[in-house]
Amino acid sequence: MVNTGDGLVLALDQGSHASRAVLFDSTGTQVAEAHVAVATARDGPVRVEQDPEELVGSIRSAIEDVLDSRPGVGLVAAGLATQRSTVVAWSRRSGRALHTAISWQDRRAAGWLERLAPVAGQVREITGLPLSPHYGASKLRWYLEHVPAVQQAASDRELALGPLSSFLALRLTEERPCVADPANAARTLLFDPATQDWSPQLLHLFELEPAWLPQCVPTRHPFGHIACAGLRVPFTACTGDQSAAAFAFGPPDPATALLNVGTGAFIQRAIPVGTPLPRGILRSVLCVDADGVIASHEGTVNGAGSALDWLRERVALDVDRGLAALATQPPLEGNVPVFVNGVGGLGAPFWLADFPCEFVGDGDEGARLAAVIESVAFLICANLEALQSAARLQRIRISGGLARNDYLCRCIAAASRLPVERPALVEATARGIAWLAAGKPSAWRPVPVEQVFTPFPAPALEARHARWRSAMAQRGAE
């Protein structure tokens, strides 16, 4: 464990919309925060990219801003959490990105991936993941087949490609390591959790050379030092955003579903290594260190905050004001449609890359907003049902930007019949990576529960849930 003393821990959270730098003290209390917005480029319904150099610059700016707000502080450790399944190709010689970062939301390589459909079961057996264009391997193939700079770097034997976390770790540290943590490596479809290393079988399947990939290392590892404001801060932990969020409240409880709702929604449930995998659910790596491996079963919903973005582009409604008004309401009665939510394609437990987005039934724009929120709750419940096929859950703990919406929390509680706890801490990723970077300290103060949403009878919502299931099944999601 890191001896924090009077020093602070620096948590870096690189997300889809912003890069954040957050300082935590020796009790796990947040003392300062800065964030820098980042752009996302979309070209049609399947191509989603970001500028890797902008991401690096945004993190550095966030670090400078947060340290400017606390002059003279001492930093004892730093940790980094990033978007999983976002990939980058870069030059080993210069460290410069060779193309845009392909986002976790991107599905451009779906057509290429179809050729591997006959071995989808084999891929899932090794990785615990479905054969999906959201994951990194097919995106790395796209670089190699479409980007001349990547092809030239491969010919010159200076190509590196892999998770965004690997690129950022190299660019942020003095030592410039070319390494990959297990949570992000696992989202490439090239990583074998049983060996904690790249799978030769999968590399062959995706026609990728081992020399192009970073070295696999544990979650908690001496990655090097981040130089900032005259300080050299030990960089001690790196993982994915959702893996980090699972540790925001300390060691994860297997009876608790950890639900983090932002652009997408992700449901983690800690499980013993080797627990049978429910149908349609993912096997994920939460942490690997000297204490062993902490694994999880994970459900995913692609269309959460992104579904609200989809709606913003289509209705003459102030969605944010509508959300605020909706938050005061119980599940609505009356004329509310159901929303078939295929934003970003269906994730767990359905795994359909292309799925329609449409309203079934009539309702005004306010009712349509309620239908979109309810669709997020229904998709989350589909994942919870699958997770509970392994063992019953006792509660849901919700975090993330959309956790602040009471209407969503009430709908999840009513539809799942599980209590939903909303802690006073909503942004879980930063605190989770800080806890890991600090060495998993036992002295951090518990996070109090701000509100509990208890299950309650909601006949109108139950009827819409049944209509939603029927509409989904009619469109092939069963």
Protein backbone atom coordinates (compact mmCIF):
# COMPACT_ATOMS: atom_id res chain seq x y z
CA MET A 1 0.00 0.00 0.00
CA VAL A 2 1.19 3.51 -0.83
CA ASN A 3 1.98 5.60 2.26
CA THR A 4 -0.18 8.62 1.48
CA GLY A 5 0.56 10.54 4.70
CA ASP A 6 -0.26 14.16 3.98
CA GLY A 7 0.14 13.67 0.24
CA LEU A 8 -2.62 13.40 -2.32
CA VAL A 9 -3.49 10.81 -4.95
CA LEU A 10 -4.05 11.99 -8.53
CA ALA A 11 -6.83 10.22 -10.42
CA LEU A 12 -6.96 10.64 -14.21
CA ASP A 13 -10.22 9.70 -15.91
CA GLN A 14 -10.19 9.92 -19.70
CA GLY A 15 -13.78 9.58 -20.96
CA SER A 16 -15.77 10.01 -24.14
CA HIS A 17 -16.67 13.64 -23.45
CA ALA A 18 -13.92 14.93 -21.16
CA SER A 19 -10.65 14.23 -19.40
CA ARG A 20 -10.73 14.73 -15.64
CA ALA A 21 -8.01 15.12 -13.04
CA VAL A 22 -9.16 14.62 -9.45
CA LEU A 23 -7.21 14.83 -6.18
CA PHE A 24 -8.05 12.63 -3.19
CA ASP A 25 -6.62 12.86 0.32
CA SER A 26 -5.54 10.02 2.64
CA THR A 27 -9.17 9.39 3.71
CA GLY A 28 -10.48 9.07 0.13
CA THR A 29 -12.11 12.50 0.21
CA GLN A 30 -12.10 14.45 -3.05
CA VAL A 31 -10.34 17.78 -2.54
CA ALA A 32 -10.07 19.21 -6.06
CA GLU A 33 -11.17 18.45 -9.61
CA ALA A 34 -10.60 19.81 -13.10
CA HIS A 35 -11.92 18.68 -16.43
CA VAL A 36 -11.24 19.50 -20.07
CA ALA A 37 -13.80 18.72 -22.76
CA VAL A 38 -12.79 16.59 -25.74
CA ALA A 39 -14.40 16.31 -29.16
CA THR A 40 -15.89 13.25 -30.80
CA ALA A 41 -16.20 13.01 -34.59
CA ARG A 42 -19.07 10.99 -36.05
CA ASP A 43 -19.38 10.09 -39.70
CA GLY A 44 -22.68 8.31 -40.27
CA PRO A 45 -24.21 5.83 -37.85
CA VAL A 46 -21.18 3.55 -37.37
CA ARG A 47 -17.96 5.63 -37.49
CA VAL A 48 -16.89 7.32 -34.24
CA GLU A 49 -13.39 8.76 -33.79
CA GLN A 50 -11.34 10.99 -31.49
CA ASP A 51 -8.03 12.80 -31.89
CA PRO A 52 -5.38 10.96 -29.81
CA GLU A 53 -3.19 14.05 -29.56
CA GLU A 54 -6.14 16.05 -28.25
CA LEU A 55 -6.75 13.36 -25.61
CA VAL A 56 -3.12 13.56 -24.44
CA GLY A 57 -3.25 17.36 -24.35
CA SER A 58 -6.56 17.38 -22.48
CA ILE A 59 -5.17 15.18 -19.70
CA ARG A 60 -2.09 17.34 -19.33
CA SER A 61 -4.25 20.47 -19.20
CA ALA A 62 -6.55 18.91 -16.59
CA ILE A 63 -3.52 18.00 -14.45
CA GLU A 64 -2.17 21.55 -14.69
CA ASP A 65 -5.57 23.02 -13.82
CA VAL A 66 -6.17 20.83 -10.77
CA LEU A 67 -2.66 21.50 -9.43
CA ASP A 68 -3.11 25.23 -9.99
CA SER A 69 -6.16 25.03 -7.73
CA ARG A 70 -4.09 23.42 -4.94
CA PRO A 71 -0.64 25.06 -5.08
CA GLY A 72 2.09 23.41 -3.07
CA VAL A 73 0.41 20.02 -2.68
CA GLY A 74 2.43 16.83 -2.58
CA LEU A 75 1.40 13.94 -4.82
CA VAL A 76 2.26 10.39 -3.77
CA ALA A 77 0.64 8.33 -6.55
CA ALA A 78 -1.32 8.61 -9.79
CA GLY A 79 -3.69 6.28 -11.59
CA LEU A 80 -5.31 6.34 -15.03
CA ALA A 81 -8.70 5.04 -16.13
CA THR A 82 -9.69 5.17 -19.81
CA GLN A 83 -12.43 4.24 -22.24
CA ARG A 84 -12.22 0.52 -22.88
CA SER A 85 -12.34 -0.81 -26.45
CA THR A 86 -11.05 2.48 -27.89
CA VAL A 87 -7.84 1.78 -29.82
CA VAL A 88 -4.89 3.71 -31.23
CA ALA A 89 -2.04 3.00 -33.64
CA TRP A 90 1.25 4.82 -33.02
CA SER A 91 4.93 4.89 -33.88
CA ARG A 92 7.23 3.14 -31.41
CA ARG A 93 10.02 5.47 -32.49
CA SER A 94 8.31 8.83 -32.05
CA GLY A 95 5.30 7.94 -29.91
CA ARG A 96 3.05 9.92 -32.27
CA ALA A 97 -0.36 8.60 -33.25
CA LEU A 98 -0.58 7.39 -36.84
CA HIS A 99 -4.33 7.93 -37.22
CA THR A 100 -7.38 8.90 -35.23
CA ALA A 101 -8.41 6.87 -32.19
CA ILE A 102 -11.29 4.55 -33.10
CA SER A 103 -13.91 4.81 -30.37
CA TRP A 104 -15.48 1.97 -28.42
CA GLN A 105 -18.75 3.10 -30.02
CA ASP A 106 -17.40 2.55 -33.56
CA ARG A 107 -18.71 -0.38 -35.62
CA ARG A 108 -16.99 0.24 -38.98
CA ALA A 109 -15.42 -3.22 -39.13
CA ALA A 110 -18.65 -5.18 -38.68
CA GLY A 111 -18.54 -6.40 -42.27
CA TRP A 112 -14.95 -7.63 -41.97
CA LEU A 113 -15.84 -9.42 -38.74
CA GLU A 114 -18.62 -11.44 -40.34
CA ARG A 115 -16.03 -13.75 -41.92
CA LEU A 116 -15.17 -15.00 -38.41
CA ALA A 117 -18.75 -15.91 -37.47
CA PRO A 118 -17.99 -19.67 -37.66
CA VAL A 119 -15.44 -19.31 -34.82
CA ALA A 120 -17.48 -16.95 -32.62
CA GLY A 121 -17.91 -19.69 -30.01
CA GLN A 122 -14.17 -20.26 -29.88
CA VAL A 123 -13.53 -16.53 -29.37
CA ARG A 124 -16.08 -16.38 -26.56
CA GLU A 125 -14.61 -19.48 -24.91
CA ILE A 126 -11.17 -17.86 -24.70
CA THR A 127 -12.11 -14.24 -23.99
CA GLY A 128 -15.53 -14.37 -22.34
CA LEU A 129 -16.72 -11.86 -24.97
CA PRO A 130 -18.93 -12.13 -28.05
CA LEU A 131 -17.54 -11.52 -31.51
CA SER A 132 -18.44 -7.83 -31.74
CA PRO A 133 -17.19 -4.86 -33.80
CA HIS A 134 -17.29 -2.75 -30.61
CA TYR A 135 -14.14 -4.52 -29.42
CA GLY A 136 -10.65 -3.69 -30.58
CA ALA A 137 -9.36 -6.52 -32.78
CA SER A 138 -11.37 -5.76 -35.91
CA LYS A 139 -10.58 -2.04 -35.51
CA LEU A 140 -6.86 -2.84 -35.43
CA ARG A 141 -7.33 -4.83 -38.64
CA TRP A 142 -9.05 -1.78 -40.16
CA TYR A 143 -5.96 0.34 -39.43
CA LEU A 144 -3.75 -2.18 -41.17
CA GLU A 145 -5.96 -2.45 -44.23
CA HIS A 146 -6.86 1.23 -44.72
CA VAL A 147 -4.20 3.54 -43.26
CA PRO A 148 -0.96 3.91 -45.29
CA ALA A 149 0.96 5.35 -42.32
CA VAL A 150 0.14 2.23 -40.30
CA GLN A 151 1.16 -0.02 -43.17
CA GLN A 152 4.46 1.84 -43.51
CA ALA A 153 5.15 1.64 -39.78
CA ALA A 154 4.55 -2.11 -39.89
CA SER A 155 6.97 -2.40 -42.84
CA ASP A 156 9.55 -0.32 -40.92
CA ARG A 157 9.09 -2.47 -37.79
CA GLU A 158 8.09 0.50 -35.66
CA LEU A 159 4.34 -0.08 -35.44
CA ALA A 160 2.58 -0.22 -32.10
CA LEU A 161 -1.16 -0.59 -31.74
CA GLY A 162 -3.52 -1.45 -28.94
CA PRO A 163 -5.76 0.04 -26.25
CA LEU A 164 -6.01 3.79 -25.72
CA SER A 165 -4.68 3.24 -22.18
CA SER A 166 -1.39 1.95 -23.60
CA PHE A 167 -0.91 5.00 -25.82
CA LEU A 168 -1.72 7.41 -22.98
CA ALA A 169 0.56 5.61 -20.51
CA LEU A 170 3.42 5.95 -22.98
CA ARG A 171 2.79 9.63 -23.69
CA LEU A 172 2.20 10.71 -20.09
CA THR A 173 5.22 9.06 -18.45
CA GLU A 174 8.91 9.89 -18.54
CA GLU A 175 9.84 6.21 -19.01
CA ARG A 176 7.52 5.77 -22.05
CA PRO A 177 6.53 2.13 -21.45
CA CYS A 178 4.68 0.18 -24.12
CA VAL A 179 2.39 -1.86 -21.86
CA ALA A 180 -1.26 -2.88 -21.55
CA ASP A 181 -3.26 -3.39 -18.36
CA PRO A 182 -5.56 -6.45 -18.24
CA ALA A 183 -8.93 -4.66 -18.20
CA ASN A 184 -8.20 -2.75 -21.41
CA ALA A 185 -6.27 -5.59 -23.05
CA ALA A 186 -9.25 -7.86 -22.42
CA ARG A 187 -11.47 -5.56 -24.53
CA THR A 188 -9.42 -6.19 -27.68
CA LEU A 189 -10.67 -9.78 -28.25
CA LEU A 190 -6.98 -10.77 -28.27
CA PHE A 191 -6.40 -11.34 -24.53
CA ASP A 192 -6.70 -14.65 -22.67
CA PRO A 193 -7.74 -14.07 -19.02
CA ALA A 194 -6.55 -17.58 -18.14
CA THR A 195 -2.93 -16.69 -18.98
CA GLN A 196 -3.17 -12.90 -18.46
CA ASP A 197 -1.48 -12.44 -21.83
CA TRP A 198 -2.18 -12.14 -25.54
CA SER A 199 -3.57 -15.32 -27.05
CA PRO A 200 -1.41 -16.70 -29.93
CA GLN A 201 -4.53 -18.38 -31.27
CA LEU A 202 -6.50 -15.12 -31.42
CA LEU A 203 -3.60 -13.13 -32.85
CA HIS A 204 -3.41 -15.67 -35.67
CA LEU A 205 -7.17 -15.51 -36.17
CA PHE A 206 -7.12 -11.71 -36.54
CA GLU A 207 -3.86 -11.74 -38.54
CA LEU A 208 -1.96 -9.56 -36.06
CA GLU A 209 1.73 -9.77 -35.15
CA PRO A 210 2.68 -10.09 -31.46
CA ALA A 211 5.45 -7.51 -31.99
CA TRP A 212 2.85 -4.84 -32.73
CA LEU A 213 1.15 -5.16 -29.34
CA PRO A 214 2.16 -3.77 -25.93
CA GLN A 215 3.50 -6.01 -23.18
CA CYS A 216 0.78 -7.22 -20.80
CA VAL A 217 1.27 -6.10 -17.17
CA PRO A 218 -0.93 -6.10 -14.02
CA THR A 219 -3.43 -3.40 -13.08
CA ARG A 220 -1.25 -2.22 -10.23
CA HIS A 221 2.26 -1.92 -11.64
CA PRO A 222 5.24 0.51 -11.61
CA PHE A 223 4.31 2.18 -14.91
CA GLY A 224 6.79 5.02 -14.42
CA HIS A 225 6.47 8.66 -13.41
CA ILE A 226 4.25 11.48 -14.57
CA ALA A 227 6.06 14.82 -14.57
CA CYS A 228 3.85 17.79 -13.73
CA ALA A 229 4.37 21.19 -12.05
CA GLY A 230 7.90 20.27 -11.09
CA LEU A 231 6.76 16.98 -9.51
CA ARG A 232 7.54 13.39 -10.46
CA VAL A 233 4.50 11.36 -9.47
CA PRO A 234 4.66 7.55 -9.36
CA PHE A 235 2.13 6.14 -11.84
CA THR A 236 0.97 3.02 -10.02
CA ALA A 237 -2.36 1.85 -11.50
CA CYS A 238 -4.05 1.72 -14.90
CA THR A 239 -7.38 0.18 -15.89
CA GLY A 240 -10.61 0.71 -17.78
CA ASP A 241 -13.22 3.22 -16.67
CA GLN A 242 -15.85 0.65 -15.71
CA SER A 243 -13.29 -1.58 -13.98
CA ALA A 244 -12.16 1.40 -11.93
CA ALA A 245 -15.73 2.35 -11.04
CA ALA A 246 -16.20 -1.05 -9.40
CA PHE A 247 -13.70 -0.02 -6.70
CA ALA A 248 -15.15 3.39 -5.87
CA PHE A 249 -16.53 2.00 -2.62
CA GLY A 250 -13.68 -0.38 -1.81
CA PRO A 251 -13.64 -4.12 -2.52
CA PRO A 252 -16.73 -5.01 -4.59
CA ASP A 253 -19.52 -7.05 -2.96
CA PRO A 254 -20.70 -10.07 -5.03
CA ALA A 255 -24.31 -9.52 -3.87
CA THR A 256 -24.34 -5.98 -5.29
CA ALA A 257 -24.79 -5.02 -8.93
CA LEU A 258 -22.54 -2.02 -9.59
CA LEU A 259 -24.35 0.05 -12.21
CA ASN A 260 -22.51 2.95 -13.85
CA VAL A 261 -24.68 4.98 -16.25
CA GLY A 262 -23.13 7.53 -18.60
CA THR A 263 -22.88 7.45 -22.40
CA GLY A 264 -23.54 3.72 -22.00
CA ALA A 265 -24.62 1.72 -18.97
CA PHE A 266 -22.41 -0.97 -17.49
CA ILE A 267 -23.35 -3.47 -14.79
CA GLN A 268 -20.52 -5.20 -12.93
CA ARG A 269 -20.88 -8.09 -10.51
CA ALA A 270 -17.74 -9.44 -8.80
CA ILE A 271 -17.51 -13.23 -9.04
CA PRO A 272 -15.00 -15.93 -8.14
CA VAL A 273 -12.70 -16.84 -11.02
CA GLY A 274 -14.19 -19.80 -12.90
CA THR A 275 -17.86 -19.04 -12.14
CA PRO A 276 -19.99 -20.21 -15.11
CA LEU A 277 -20.79 -17.38 -17.48
CA PRO A 278 -24.49 -16.57 -17.96
CA ARG A 279 -25.81 -16.46 -21.52
CA GLY A 280 -25.12 -13.14 -23.20
CA ILE A 281 -23.07 -11.74 -20.29
CA LEU A 282 -19.37 -10.81 -20.45
CA ARG A 283 -16.43 -12.06 -18.44
CA SER A 284 -14.38 -9.05 -17.35
CA VAL A 285 -11.16 -8.38 -15.47
CA LEU A 286 -11.49 -5.85 -12.66
CA CYS A 287 -8.01 -5.97 -11.15
CA VAL A 288 -4.83 -8.02 -11.30
CA ASP A 289 -2.05 -7.45 -8.77
CA ALA A 290 0.06 -9.26 -6.18
CA ASP A 291 -3.12 -10.13 -4.27
CA GLY A 292 -4.51 -12.09 -7.23
CA VAL A 293 -7.23 -11.64 -9.83
CA ILE A 294 -10.62 -10.01 -9.23
CA ALA A 295 -13.02 -10.89 -12.05
CA SER A 296 -16.60 -9.94 -12.83
CA HIS A 297 -19.63 -10.77 -14.88
CA GLU A 298 -20.66 -7.69 -16.83
CA GLY A 299 -23.72 -6.48 -18.67
CA THR A 300 -23.65 -3.58 -21.13
CA VAL A 301 -26.19 -1.15 -22.57
CA ASN A 302 -24.91 0.94 -25.49
CA GLY A 303 -27.81 3.40 -25.60
CA ALA A 304 -27.96 5.28 -22.27
CA GLY A 305 -26.78 8.91 -22.41
CA SER A 306 -26.19 8.35 -26.13
CA ALA A 307 -29.90 7.55 -26.52
CA LEU A 308 -30.72 10.97 -25.09
CA ASP A 309 -28.29 12.49 -27.61
CA TRP A 310 -30.17 10.58 -30.33
CA LEU A 311 -33.45 12.08 -29.08
CA ARG A 312 -32.03 15.64 -28.89
CA GLU A 313 -31.40 15.54 -32.63
CA ARG A 314 -35.01 14.60 -33.38
CA VAL A 315 -37.38 16.52 -31.11
CA ALA A 316 -38.17 20.18 -30.51
CA LEU A 317 -37.78 19.69 -26.78
CA ASP A 318 -35.26 20.99 -24.25
CA VAL A 319 -34.21 17.50 -23.18
CA ASP A 320 -32.27 18.68 -20.13
CA ARG A 321 -35.22 20.72 -18.84
CA GLY A 322 -37.51 17.77 -19.60
CA LEU A 323 -35.24 15.43 -17.63
CA ALA A 324 -35.34 17.77 -14.64
CA ALA A 325 -39.14 17.85 -14.73
CA LEU A 326 -39.37 14.09 -15.21
CA ALA A 327 -37.09 13.46 -12.22
CA THR A 328 -39.86 14.58 -9.85
CA GLN A 329 -42.38 12.11 -11.28
CA PRO A 330 -43.22 8.49 -10.47
CA PRO A 331 -43.47 6.20 -13.54
CA LEU A 332 -45.99 7.95 -15.78
CA GLU A 333 -49.56 6.80 -16.32
CA GLY A 334 -51.46 7.47 -19.50
CA ASN A 335 -50.30 7.76 -23.08
CA VAL A 336 -46.61 6.78 -23.10
CA PRO A 337 -45.07 4.84 -26.02
CA VAL A 338 -42.27 2.31 -25.70
CA PHE A 339 -38.90 2.97 -27.28
CA VAL A 340 -37.03 0.23 -29.12
CA ASN A 341 -33.54 1.40 -28.20
CA GLY A 342 -30.97 0.29 -30.76
CA VAL A 343 -28.69 3.31 -30.29
CA GLY A 344 -25.15 2.05 -30.86
CA GLY A 345 -26.45 -1.46 -31.49
CA LEU A 346 -27.67 -3.84 -28.80
CA GLY A 347 -25.14 -4.94 -26.20
CA ALA A 348 -25.67 -7.62 -23.58
CA PRO A 349 -27.44 -9.94 -23.44
CA PHE A 350 -28.68 -9.63 -27.06
CA TRP A 351 -25.56 -8.71 -29.10
CA LEU A 352 -27.08 -7.37 -32.28
CA ALA A 353 -24.81 -4.86 -34.01
CA ASP A 354 -27.60 -3.34 -36.11
CA PHE A 355 -30.95 -2.78 -34.47
CA PRO A 356 -33.72 -0.25 -35.14
CA CYS A 357 -34.49 2.82 -33.07
CA GLU A 358 -38.20 3.55 -33.07
CA PHE A 359 -41.15 4.47 -30.91
CA VAL A 360 -44.05 2.03 -30.69
CA GLY A 361 -47.24 3.81 -29.76
CA ASP A 362 -48.27 7.43 -29.49
CA GLY A 363 -47.30 10.19 -27.11
CA ASP A 364 -46.14 13.79 -27.02
CA GLU A 365 -42.48 14.77 -26.85
CA GLY A 366 -42.43 14.65 -23.05
CA ALA A 367 -43.84 11.11 -23.17
CA ARG A 368 -41.18 10.16 -25.72
CA LEU A 369 -38.48 11.40 -23.37
CA ALA A 370 -39.96 9.20 -20.62
CA ALA A 371 -39.99 6.28 -23.07
CA VAL A 372 -36.28 6.70 -23.81
CA ILE A 373 -35.43 6.75 -20.08
CA GLU A 374 -37.63 3.71 -19.52
CA SER A 375 -35.92 1.87 -22.38
CA VAL A 376 -32.58 2.34 -20.60
CA ALA A 377 -34.12 0.90 -17.43
CA PHE A 378 -35.59 -2.05 -19.35
CA LEU A 379 -32.25 -2.84 -21.04
CA ILE A 380 -30.52 -2.67 -17.66
CA CYS A 381 -33.13 -5.07 -16.25
CA ALA A 382 -32.52 -7.53 -19.09
CA ASN A 383 -28.88 -7.62 -17.99
CA LEU A 384 -29.79 -7.96 -14.32
CA GLU A 385 -32.01 -10.93 -15.11
CA ALA A 386 -29.14 -12.62 -16.93
CA LEU A 387 -26.68 -11.87 -14.12
CA GLN A 388 -29.06 -13.38 -11.57
CA SER A 389 -29.16 -16.68 -13.42
CA ALA A 390 -25.80 -17.36 -11.72
CA ALA A 391 -26.79 -16.14 -8.24
CA ARG A 392 -29.35 -13.75 -6.78
CA LEU A 393 -28.50 -10.12 -6.25
CA GLN A 394 -29.55 -8.17 -3.16
CA ARG A 395 -29.19 -4.59 -4.34
CA ILE A 396 -28.10 -2.22 -7.09
CA ARG A 397 -25.62 0.59 -6.46
CA ILE A 398 -25.87 3.28 -9.14
CA SER A 399 -23.29 5.86 -10.22
CA GLY A 400 -22.50 7.96 -13.28
CA GLY A 401 -24.01 11.09 -14.76
CA LEU A 402 -27.51 9.66 -15.33
CA ALA A 403 -27.64 8.33 -11.77
CA ARG A 404 -28.80 11.80 -10.77
CA ASN A 405 -32.09 11.26 -12.59
CA ASP A 406 -34.63 10.05 -10.05
CA TYR A 407 -37.04 8.88 -12.76
CA LEU A 408 -34.45 6.42 -14.08
CA CYS A 409 -33.68 5.17 -10.57
CA ARG A 410 -37.39 4.67 -9.75
CA CYS A 411 -37.98 2.79 -13.01
CA ILE A 412 -35.02 0.48 -12.41
CA ALA A 413 -36.18 -0.28 -8.86
CA ALA A 414 -39.76 -0.95 -9.92
CA ALA A 415 -38.88 -3.05 -12.98
CA SER A 416 -36.07 -5.08 -11.36
CA ARG A 417 -37.71 -5.45 -7.94
CA LEU A 418 -34.35 -4.64 -6.36
CA PRO A 419 -33.51 -1.64 -4.17
CA VAL A 420 -31.39 0.97 -5.93
CA GLU A 421 -28.84 2.72 -3.71
CA ARG A 422 -27.47 6.05 -4.89
CA PRO A 423 -24.33 7.00 -2.94
CA ALA A 424 -23.38 10.59 -2.24
CA LEU A 425 -20.55 9.96 -4.73
CA VAL A 426 -21.93 9.74 -8.27
CA GLU A 427 -18.72 9.92 -10.33
CA ALA A 428 -17.25 6.56 -9.37
CA THR A 429 -14.43 6.08 -11.88
CA ALA A 430 -12.05 8.67 -10.41
CA ARG A 431 -12.40 7.45 -6.83
CA GLY A 432 -11.99 3.83 -7.93
CA ILE A 433 -8.73 4.41 -9.80
CA ALA A 434 -7.46 6.57 -6.92
CA TRP A 435 -8.15 3.72 -4.46
CA LEU A 436 -6.21 1.30 -6.66
CA ALA A 437 -3.34 3.76 -7.18
CA ALA A 438 -3.11 4.30 -3.41
CA GLY A 439 -2.69 0.56 -2.91
CA LYS A 440 -6.26 -0.38 -1.88
CA PRO A 441 -6.11 1.35 1.53
CA SER A 442 -8.49 0.12 4.24
CA ALA A 443 -8.51 3.53 5.95
CA TRP A 444 -10.57 5.33 3.32
CA ARG A 445 -13.90 6.53 4.69
CA PRO A 446 -17.02 4.72 3.48
CA VAL A 447 -19.18 6.62 1.02
CA PRO A 448 -22.62 7.32 2.56
CA VAL A 449 -25.80 6.34 0.71
CA GLU A 450 -27.62 9.49 -0.37
CA GLN A 451 -30.94 7.86 -1.29
CA VAL A 452 -32.48 4.41 -1.61
CA PHE A 453 -35.15 3.79 -4.24
CA THR A 454 -37.19 0.83 -3.02
CA PRO A 455 -39.21 -1.42 -5.34
CA PHE A 456 -42.90 -0.55 -5.55
CA PRO A 457 -45.94 -1.60 -7.61
CA ALA A 458 -46.12 0.30 -10.92
CA PRO A 459 -48.80 -1.35 -13.09
CA ALA A 460 -48.49 1.11 -16.00
CA LEU A 461 -44.70 0.69 -16.13
CA GLU A 462 -45.05 -3.10 -15.90
CA ALA A 463 -47.46 -3.03 -18.84
CA ARG A 464 -45.00 -0.94 -20.89
CA HIS A 465 -42.20 -3.32 -19.89
CA ALA A 466 -44.24 -6.22 -21.29
CA ARG A 467 -44.95 -4.25 -24.50
CA TRP A 468 -41.25 -3.43 -24.78
CA ARG A 469 -40.27 -7.10 -24.46
CA SER A 470 -42.75 -7.99 -27.18
CA ALA A 471 -41.52 -5.22 -29.49
CA MET A 472 -37.90 -6.27 -28.97
CA ALA A 473 -38.69 -9.93 -29.65
CA GLN A 474 -40.58 -9.06 -32.84
CA ARG A 475 -37.41 -7.36 -34.08
CA GLY A 476 -35.15 -10.30 -33.26
CA ALA A 477 -33.93 -9.51 -29.72
CA GLU A 478 -34.81 -12.52 -27.58
